[in-house]
Amino acid sequence: MKTILVIPARYKSTRFPGKPLIDLAGKSMIQRVFEQCAKVYPIEKIYVATEDERIVTHCENFGIQVILTSDNCLTGTDRIAEVALQIEADYYINVQGDEPVLNPDDITILINILKQINGTILNGYCDIANESDYKSVSVPKVVLRPDGRLLYMSRASIPGNKKNMFNFGYRQVCIYAFPKEALIAFKNMDIKTTFEAEEDIEILRFLEMGYEVQMIKMSKDSIPIDNPEDVEKVLERIGNVK
């Protein structure tokens, strides 16, 4: 089974323009994501996918393979699908470009599951550690079946209860694996589905199209940079690692 790893990196982010190139303790965010991936995955099979020449130039300066995609991709997953039309593989591992302190072991967990499951969409999740994350609309929350298949994902505080208290919950870890046919079908929709658009969570498009998504338990180490306020949390982690 042939796999490649793709890191989508959009310069024109609505909430945080230019964030793939922000400086995080002397390295760009996209460089840090690449380096974490390269700890467990062959660098010759890692690609950055972007719509912006500035990111292309930056990656080339650091010897990172980069693919220029169109400027009208609806989501990062649509960008991965464009890569799938250029590079042949059975599975496309997607690590989001805003995960500079992701745990490389989580990628290994995903790859090991791929050896057992063929043709299924995979996505990571972990326990929610605190009430702040549970209530944050920046954190996609996960509800799943006992066998790990995704029931729903939301920016709302789910699962909820009558006391409106945080008892437990799970959040998405933005590491995925997509079979090629699912990616192409996803892109061919050419429009966001109802709940995908409302929640701004692209994995929901697969659910609304009738695909199963198997959720994989991962570490709680990831700190995605969704907004400028998240930068300090990442810098604190980087400082602790050093």
C-alpha atoms as a PDB file:
ATOM      1  CA  MET A   1       0.000   0.000   0.000  1.00  0.00           C
ATOM      2  CA  LYS A   2       1.498   3.293  -1.127  1.00  0.00           C
ATOM      3  CA  THR A   3       1.055   6.327   1.119  1.00  0.00           C
ATOM      4  CA  ILE A   4       2.232   9.903   1.068  1.00  0.00           C
ATOM      5  CA  LEU A   5       1.935  12.560   3.761  1.00  0.00           C
ATOM      6  CA  VAL A   6       0.533  15.965   2.815  1.00  0.00           C
ATOM      7  CA  ILE A   7       0.567  19.114   4.948  1.00  0.00           C
ATOM      8  CA  PRO A   8      -1.995  21.657   3.702  1.00  0.00           C
ATOM      9  CA  ALA A   9      -0.846  25.222   4.377  1.00  0.00           C
ATOM     10  CA  ARG A  10      -3.109  28.087   3.379  1.00  0.00           C
ATOM     11  CA  TYR A  11      -1.667  31.585   3.533  1.00  0.00           C
ATOM     12  CA  LYS A  12      -5.014  33.368   3.254  1.00  0.00           C
ATOM     13  CA  SER A  13      -6.499  32.009   6.461  1.00  0.00           C
ATOM     14  CA  THR A  14      -9.647  33.899   7.450  1.00  0.00           C
ATOM     15  CA  ARG A  15      -8.932  33.886  11.193  1.00  0.00           C
ATOM     16  CA  PHE A  16      -5.131  34.201  10.991  1.00  0.00           C
ATOM     17  CA  PRO A  17      -3.713  35.343   7.611  1.00  0.00           C
ATOM     18  CA  GLY A  18      -0.147  34.219   6.927  1.00  0.00           C
ATOM     19  CA  LYS A  19      -0.021  31.817   9.853  1.00  0.00           C
ATOM     20  CA  PRO A  20       2.043  29.052   8.123  1.00  0.00           C
ATOM     21  CA  LEU A  21       4.976  31.495   8.038  1.00  0.00           C
ATOM     22  CA  ILE A  22       4.722  32.958  11.542  1.00  0.00           C
ATOM     23  CA  ASP A  23       7.885  32.715  13.613  1.00  0.00           C
ATOM     24  CA  LEU A  24       7.799  30.254  16.501  1.00  0.00           C
ATOM     25  CA  ALA A  25      11.043  30.528  18.458  1.00  0.00           C
ATOM     26  CA  GLY A  26      13.209  30.899  15.362  1.00  0.00           C
ATOM     27  CA  LYS A  27      11.364  28.577  12.977  1.00  0.00           C
ATOM     28  CA  SER A  28       8.252  29.015  10.885  1.00  0.00           C
ATOM     29  CA  MET A  29       5.165  27.076  11.843  1.00  0.00           C
ATOM     30  CA  ILE A  30       5.205  25.060   8.609  1.00  0.00           C
ATOM     31  CA  GLN A  31       8.864  24.135   9.176  1.00  0.00           C
ATOM     32  CA  ARG A  32       8.060  22.894  12.672  1.00  0.00           C
ATOM     33  CA  VAL A  33       5.144  20.777  11.403  1.00  0.00           C
ATOM     34  CA  PHE A  34       7.363  19.290   8.698  1.00  0.00           C
ATOM     35  CA  GLU A  35      10.142  18.486  11.183  1.00  0.00           C
ATOM     36  CA  GLN A  36       7.720  16.712  13.526  1.00  0.00           C
ATOM     37  CA  CYS A  37       6.401  14.608  10.642  1.00  0.00           C
ATOM     38  CA  ALA A  38       9.924  13.833   9.409  1.00  0.00           C
ATOM     39  CA  LYS A  39      10.765  12.211  12.744  1.00  0.00           C
ATOM     40  CA  VAL A  40       8.613   9.200  11.825  1.00  0.00           C
ATOM     41  CA  TYR A  41       7.907   9.457   8.082  1.00  0.00           C
ATOM     42  CA  PRO A  42      10.282   9.462   5.073  1.00  0.00           C
ATOM     43  CA  ILE A  43      10.991  13.046   3.997  1.00  0.00           C
ATOM     44  CA  GLU A  44      10.893  12.092   0.322  1.00  0.00           C
ATOM     45  CA  LYS A  45       7.209  11.217   0.781  1.00  0.00           C
ATOM     46  CA  ILE A  46       6.216  14.416   2.618  1.00  0.00           C
ATOM     47  CA  TYR A  47       4.684  17.304   0.674  1.00  0.00           C
ATOM     48  CA  VAL A  48       3.373  20.735   1.639  1.00  0.00           C
ATOM     49  CA  ALA A  49       0.311  21.779  -0.384  1.00  0.00           C
ATOM     50  CA  THR A  50      -0.343  25.514  -0.612  1.00  0.00           C
ATOM     51  CA  GLU A  51      -2.020  28.198  -2.713  1.00  0.00           C
ATOM     52  CA  ASP A  52       0.644  30.851  -2.133  1.00  0.00           C
ATOM     53  CA  GLU A  53       4.017  31.448  -3.784  1.00  0.00           C
ATOM     54  CA  ARG A  54       5.457  32.819  -0.537  1.00  0.00           C
ATOM     55  CA  ILE A  55       4.987  29.436   1.121  1.00  0.00           C
ATOM     56  CA  VAL A  56       6.363  27.695  -1.980  1.00  0.00           C
ATOM     57  CA  THR A  57       9.554  29.779  -1.813  1.00  0.00           C
ATOM     58  CA  HIS A  58       9.891  29.297   1.944  1.00  0.00           C
ATOM     59  CA  CYS A  59       9.566  25.506   1.669  1.00  0.00           C
ATOM     60  CA  GLU A  60      12.007  25.302  -1.231  1.00  0.00           C
ATOM     61  CA  ASN A  61      14.556  27.257   0.814  1.00  0.00           C
ATOM     62  CA  PHE A  62      14.407  24.528   3.471  1.00  0.00           C
ATOM     63  CA  GLY A  63      14.394  21.599   1.066  1.00  0.00           C
ATOM     64  CA  ILE A  64      10.741  20.756   1.700  1.00  0.00           C
ATOM     65  CA  GLN A  65       8.791  19.323  -1.240  1.00  0.00           C
ATOM     66  CA  VAL A  66       5.902  21.624  -2.059  1.00  0.00           C
ATOM     67  CA  ILE A  67       2.976  21.549  -4.488  1.00  0.00           C
ATOM     68  CA  LEU A  68       1.187  24.686  -5.624  1.00  0.00           C
ATOM     69  CA  THR A  69      -2.559  24.087  -5.649  1.00  0.00           C
ATOM     70  CA  SER A  70      -5.416  26.309  -6.767  1.00  0.00           C
ATOM     71  CA  ASP A  71      -6.611  29.328  -4.833  1.00  0.00           C
ATOM     72  CA  ASN A  72     -10.244  28.199  -4.727  1.00  0.00           C
ATOM     73  CA  CYS A  73     -10.081  25.058  -2.585  1.00  0.00           C
ATOM     74  CA  LEU A  74     -13.036  25.030  -0.206  1.00  0.00           C
ATOM     75  CA  THR A  75     -11.063  23.270   2.556  1.00  0.00           C
ATOM     76  CA  GLY A  76      -7.713  21.714   3.318  1.00  0.00           C
ATOM     77  CA  THR A  77      -9.160  18.331   2.380  1.00  0.00           C
ATOM     78  CA  ASP A  78     -10.070  19.682  -1.067  1.00  0.00           C
ATOM     79  CA  ARG A  79      -6.421  20.764  -1.324  1.00  0.00           C
ATOM     80  CA  ILE A  80      -5.310  17.220  -0.470  1.00  0.00           C
ATOM     81  CA  ALA A  81      -7.639  15.963  -3.211  1.00  0.00           C
ATOM     82  CA  GLU A  82      -5.865  18.206  -5.724  1.00  0.00           C
ATOM     83  CA  VAL A  83      -2.592  16.589  -4.689  1.00  0.00           C
ATOM     84  CA  ALA A  84      -4.207  13.168  -5.189  1.00  0.00           C
ATOM     85  CA  LEU A  85      -4.840  14.101  -8.817  1.00  0.00           C
ATOM     86  CA  GLN A  86      -1.113  14.784  -9.254  1.00  0.00           C
ATOM     87  CA  ILE A  87       0.563  12.107  -7.131  1.00  0.00           C
ATOM     88  CA  GLU A  88      -0.663   8.522  -7.171  1.00  0.00           C
ATOM     89  CA  ALA A  89      -1.110   6.749  -3.826  1.00  0.00           C
ATOM     90  CA  ASP A  90      -3.539   4.413  -2.095  1.00  0.00           C
ATOM     91  CA  TYR A  91      -3.802   6.570   1.029  1.00  0.00           C
ATOM     92  CA  TYR A  92      -3.070  10.221   1.703  1.00  0.00           C
ATOM     93  CA  ILE A  93      -2.044  11.011   5.272  1.00  0.00           C
ATOM     94  CA  ASN A  94      -3.021  14.562   6.161  1.00  0.00           C
ATOM     95  CA  VAL A  95      -1.313  16.451   8.970  1.00  0.00           C
ATOM     96  CA  GLN A  96      -2.714  19.945   9.358  1.00  0.00           C
ATOM     97  CA  GLY A  97      -0.246  22.772   8.822  1.00  0.00           C
ATOM     98  CA  ASP A  98      -1.178  24.468  12.107  1.00  0.00           C
ATOM     99  CA  GLU A  99       0.015  21.627  14.388  1.00  0.00           C
ATOM    100  CA  PRO A 100       3.615  22.683  15.207  1.00  0.00           C
ATOM    101  CA  VAL A 101       3.949  20.596  18.384  1.00  0.00           C
ATOM    102  CA  LEU A 102       2.093  17.471  17.311  1.00  0.00           C
ATOM    103  CA  ASN A 103       3.316  14.189  18.752  1.00  0.00           C
ATOM    104  CA  PRO A 104       5.056  12.212  15.959  1.00  0.00           C
ATOM    105  CA  ASP A 105       4.011   8.976  17.679  1.00  0.00           C
ATOM    106  CA  ASP A 106       0.416   9.821  16.748  1.00  0.00           C
ATOM    107  CA  ILE A 107       1.367   9.566  13.074  1.00  0.00           C
ATOM    108  CA  THR A 108       2.870   6.152  13.771  1.00  0.00           C
ATOM    109  CA  ILE A 109      -0.357   5.062  15.489  1.00  0.00           C
ATOM    110  CA  LEU A 110      -2.294   6.049  12.374  1.00  0.00           C
ATOM    111  CA  ILE A 111       0.083   4.225  10.031  1.00  0.00           C
ATOM    112  CA  ASN A 112      -0.137   1.045  12.110  1.00  0.00           C
ATOM    113  CA  ILE A 113      -3.935   1.168  11.941  1.00  0.00           C
ATOM    114  CA  LEU A 114      -3.726   1.575   8.155  1.00  0.00           C
ATOM    115  CA  LYS A 115      -1.979  -1.796   7.991  1.00  0.00           C
ATOM    116  CA  GLN A 116      -5.098  -3.375   9.520  1.00  0.00           C
ATOM    117  CA  ILE A 117      -7.866  -1.319   7.868  1.00  0.00           C
ATOM    118  CA  ASN A 118      -8.118  -0.728   4.136  1.00  0.00           C
ATOM    119  CA  GLY A 119     -10.467   1.730   2.463  1.00  0.00           C
ATOM    120  CA  THR A 120     -11.636   3.496   5.634  1.00  0.00           C
ATOM    121  CA  ILE A 121     -11.241   7.174   6.471  1.00  0.00           C
ATOM    122  CA  LEU A 122      -9.260   7.655   9.689  1.00  0.00           C
ATOM    123  CA  ASN A 123      -9.095  10.665  12.019  1.00  0.00           C
ATOM    124  CA  GLY A 124      -7.508  11.234  15.411  1.00  0.00           C
ATOM    125  CA  TYR A 125      -9.113  12.229  18.700  1.00  0.00           C
ATOM    126  CA  CYS A 126      -8.127  12.573  22.340  1.00  0.00           C
ATOM    127  CA  ASP A 127      -9.640  13.343  25.741  1.00  0.00           C
ATOM    128  CA  ILE A 128     -10.586  16.929  26.516  1.00  0.00           C
ATOM    129  CA  ALA A 129      -8.503  17.981  29.484  1.00  0.00           C
ATOM    130  CA  ASN A 130     -10.385  21.021  30.751  1.00  0.00           C
ATOM    131  CA  GLU A 131     -13.660  22.916  30.691  1.00  0.00           C
ATOM    132  CA  SER A 132     -12.146  25.763  28.681  1.00  0.00           C
ATOM    133  CA  ASP A 133     -11.474  23.489  25.694  1.00  0.00           C
ATOM    134  CA  TYR A 134     -14.874  21.840  26.136  1.00  0.00           C
ATOM    135  CA  LYS A 135     -16.618  25.204  25.768  1.00  0.00           C
ATOM    136  CA  SER A 136     -14.325  26.730  23.129  1.00  0.00           C
ATOM    137  CA  VAL A 137     -15.813  27.049  19.644  1.00  0.00           C
ATOM    138  CA  SER A 138     -12.268  26.724  18.271  1.00  0.00           C
ATOM    139  CA  VAL A 139     -12.132  23.101  19.457  1.00  0.00           C
ATOM    140  CA  PRO A 140     -14.089  20.512  17.414  1.00  0.00           C
ATOM    141  CA  LYS A 141     -15.692  18.042  19.814  1.00  0.00           C
ATOM    142  CA  VAL A 142     -16.123  14.364  18.906  1.00  0.00           C
ATOM    143  CA  VAL A 143     -18.977  11.951  19.631  1.00  0.00           C
ATOM    144  CA  LEU A 144     -18.371   8.362  18.596  1.00  0.00           C
ATOM    145  CA  ARG A 145     -19.848   4.879  18.663  1.00  0.00           C
ATOM    146  CA  PRO A 146     -18.463   2.234  21.057  1.00  0.00           C
ATOM    147  CA  ASP A 147     -16.447   0.796  18.152  1.00  0.00           C
ATOM    148  CA  GLY A 148     -14.841   4.179  17.463  1.00  0.00           C
ATOM    149  CA  ARG A 149     -16.818   5.182  14.390  1.00  0.00           C
ATOM    150  CA  LEU A 150     -17.657   8.875  14.269  1.00  0.00           C
ATOM    151  CA  LEU A 151     -21.249   9.814  15.074  1.00  0.00           C
ATOM    152  CA  TYR A 152     -20.860  13.584  14.880  1.00  0.00           C
ATOM    153  CA  MET A 153     -18.378  16.392  15.396  1.00  0.00           C
ATOM    154  CA  SER A 154     -19.283  19.884  16.586  1.00  0.00           C
ATOM    155  CA  ARG A 155     -17.911  23.171  17.831  1.00  0.00           C
ATOM    156  CA  ALA A 156     -20.663  23.103  20.431  1.00  0.00           C
ATOM    157  CA  SER A 157     -20.073  21.571  23.871  1.00  0.00           C
ATOM    158  CA  ILE A 158     -20.998  17.942  23.255  1.00  0.00           C
ATOM    159  CA  PRO A 159     -21.888  15.611  24.817  1.00  0.00           C
ATOM    160  CA  GLY A 160     -23.995  17.959  26.911  1.00  0.00           C
ATOM    161  CA  ASN A 161     -26.186  17.426  29.950  1.00  0.00           C
ATOM    162  CA  LYS A 162     -29.051  19.125  31.801  1.00  0.00           C
ATOM    163  CA  LYS A 163     -26.702  20.666  34.349  1.00  0.00           C
ATOM    164  CA  ASN A 164     -24.607  22.254  31.597  1.00  0.00           C
ATOM    165  CA  MET A 165     -21.488  20.885  33.298  1.00  0.00           C
ATOM    166  CA  PHE A 166     -18.253  19.550  31.854  1.00  0.00           C
ATOM    167  CA  ASN A 167     -18.018  15.887  32.810  1.00  0.00           C
ATOM    168  CA  PHE A 168     -16.048  14.455  29.899  1.00  0.00           C
ATOM    169  CA  GLY A 169     -15.508  14.930  26.192  1.00  0.00           C
ATOM    170  CA  TYR A 170     -13.217  14.265  23.266  1.00  0.00           C
ATOM    171  CA  ARG A 171     -11.607  16.650  20.807  1.00  0.00           C
ATOM    172  CA  GLN A 172     -10.351  16.162  17.289  1.00  0.00           C
ATOM    173  CA  VAL A 173      -6.653  15.695  16.599  1.00  0.00           C
ATOM    174  CA  CYS A 174      -6.039  16.943  13.063  1.00  0.00           C
ATOM    175  CA  ILE A 175      -4.232  13.919  11.677  1.00  0.00           C
ATOM    176  CA  TYR A 176      -6.159  11.997   9.019  1.00  0.00           C
ATOM    177  CA  ALA A 177      -5.816   9.244   6.426  1.00  0.00           C
ATOM    178  CA  PHE A 178      -7.940   9.298   3.271  1.00  0.00           C
ATOM    179  CA  PRO A 179      -8.263   6.634   0.559  1.00  0.00           C
ATOM    180  CA  LYS A 180      -8.003   8.164  -2.895  1.00  0.00           C
ATOM    181  CA  GLU A 181     -11.558   7.402  -4.055  1.00  0.00           C
ATOM    182  CA  ALA A 182     -13.048   9.095  -0.983  1.00  0.00           C
ATOM    183  CA  LEU A 183     -10.915  12.205  -1.558  1.00  0.00           C
ATOM    184  CA  ILE A 184     -11.965  12.501  -5.188  1.00  0.00           C
ATOM    185  CA  ALA A 185     -15.646  12.039  -4.282  1.00  0.00           C
ATOM    186  CA  PHE A 186     -15.241  14.679  -1.559  1.00  0.00           C
ATOM    187  CA  LYS A 187     -13.834  17.232  -4.005  1.00  0.00           C
ATOM    188  CA  ASN A 188     -16.377  16.387  -6.698  1.00  0.00           C
ATOM    189  CA  MET A 189     -19.148  17.634  -4.410  1.00  0.00           C
ATOM    190  CA  ASP A 190     -17.802  21.105  -5.259  1.00  0.00           C
ATOM    191  CA  ILE A 191     -19.841  22.584  -2.426  1.00  0.00           C
ATOM    192  CA  LYS A 192     -19.835  22.394   1.365  1.00  0.00           C
ATOM    193  CA  THR A 193     -22.547  20.155   2.778  1.00  0.00           C
ATOM    194  CA  THR A 194     -25.133  21.509   5.228  1.00  0.00           C
ATOM    195  CA  PHE A 195     -23.543  20.610   8.568  1.00  0.00           C
ATOM    196  CA  GLU A 196     -19.995  21.027   7.266  1.00  0.00           C
ATOM    197  CA  ALA A 197     -20.806  24.628   6.356  1.00  0.00           C
ATOM    198  CA  GLU A 198     -22.644  25.359   9.603  1.00  0.00           C
ATOM    199  CA  GLU A 199     -19.978  23.853  11.886  1.00  0.00           C
ATOM    200  CA  ASP A 200     -16.983  24.732   9.673  1.00  0.00           C
ATOM    201  CA  ILE A 201     -15.699  21.164  10.158  1.00  0.00           C
ATOM    202  CA  GLU A 202     -14.788  19.509   6.872  1.00  0.00           C
ATOM    203  CA  ILE A 203     -14.807  15.883   8.097  1.00  0.00           C
ATOM    204  CA  LEU A 204     -18.595  16.238   8.349  1.00  0.00           C
ATOM    205  CA  ARG A 205     -18.821  16.296   4.558  1.00  0.00           C
ATOM    206  CA  PHE A 206     -17.742  12.658   4.530  1.00  0.00           C
ATOM    207  CA  LEU A 207     -20.436  11.752   7.062  1.00  0.00           C
ATOM    208  CA  GLU A 208     -23.094  13.601   5.077  1.00  0.00           C
ATOM    209  CA  MET A 209     -21.966  11.768   1.939  1.00  0.00           C
ATOM    210  CA  GLY A 210     -22.485   8.419   3.687  1.00  0.00           C
ATOM    211  CA  TYR A 211     -18.860   7.494   4.450  1.00  0.00           C
ATOM    212  CA  GLU A 212     -17.767   5.930   7.740  1.00  0.00           C
ATOM    213  CA  VAL A 213     -14.987   7.702   9.657  1.00  0.00           C
ATOM    214  CA  GLN A 214     -12.995   5.595  12.126  1.00  0.00           C
ATOM    215  CA  MET A 215     -11.664   7.672  15.013  1.00  0.00           C
ATOM    216  CA  ILE A 216      -8.251   6.722  16.431  1.00  0.00           C
ATOM    217  CA  LYS A 217      -7.259   7.516  20.032  1.00  0.00           C
ATOM    218  CA  MET A 218      -4.153   9.700  20.169  1.00  0.00           C
ATOM    219  CA  SER A 219      -2.162  11.729  22.682  1.00  0.00           C
ATOM    220  CA  LYS A 220      -3.268  15.076  24.099  1.00  0.00           C
ATOM    221  CA  ASP A 221      -0.026  16.764  22.985  1.00  0.00           C
ATOM    222  CA  SER A 222      -1.299  18.698  19.978  1.00  0.00           C
ATOM    223  CA  ILE A 223      -1.886  22.453  20.265  1.00  0.00           C
ATOM    224  CA  PRO A 224      -3.380  23.691  16.999  1.00  0.00           C
ATOM    225  CA  ILE A 225      -2.873  27.358  16.188  1.00  0.00           C
ATOM    226  CA  ASP A 226      -6.328  28.451  15.137  1.00  0.00           C
ATOM    227  CA  ASN A 227      -6.127  32.070  16.322  1.00  0.00           C
ATOM    228  CA  PRO A 228      -3.303  34.475  17.220  1.00  0.00           C
ATOM    229  CA  GLU A 229      -4.070  33.848  20.911  1.00  0.00           C
ATOM    230  CA  ASP A 230      -2.901  30.235  20.522  1.00  0.00           C
ATOM    231  CA  VAL A 231       0.670  31.249  19.728  1.00  0.00           C
ATOM    232  CA  GLU A 232       1.659  31.814  23.360  1.00  0.00           C
ATOM    233  CA  LYS A 233       0.506  28.326  24.338  1.00  0.00           C
ATOM    234  CA  VAL A 234       2.706  26.838  21.621  1.00  0.00           C
ATOM    235  CA  LEU A 235       5.700  28.974  22.542  1.00  0.00           C
ATOM    236  CA  GLU A 236       5.354  27.860  26.156  1.00  0.00           C
ATOM    237  CA  ARG A 237       5.370  24.212  25.031  1.00  0.00           C
ATOM    238  CA  ILE A 238       8.385  24.764  22.779  1.00  0.00           C
ATOM    239  CA  GLY A 239      10.199  26.410  25.680  1.00  0.00           C
ATOM    240  CA  ASN A 240       9.411  23.480  27.937  1.00  0.00           C
ATOM    241  CA  VAL A 241      10.633  21.018  25.327  1.00  0.00           C
ATOM    242  CA  LYS A 242      13.938  22.832  25.059  1.00  0.00           C
END
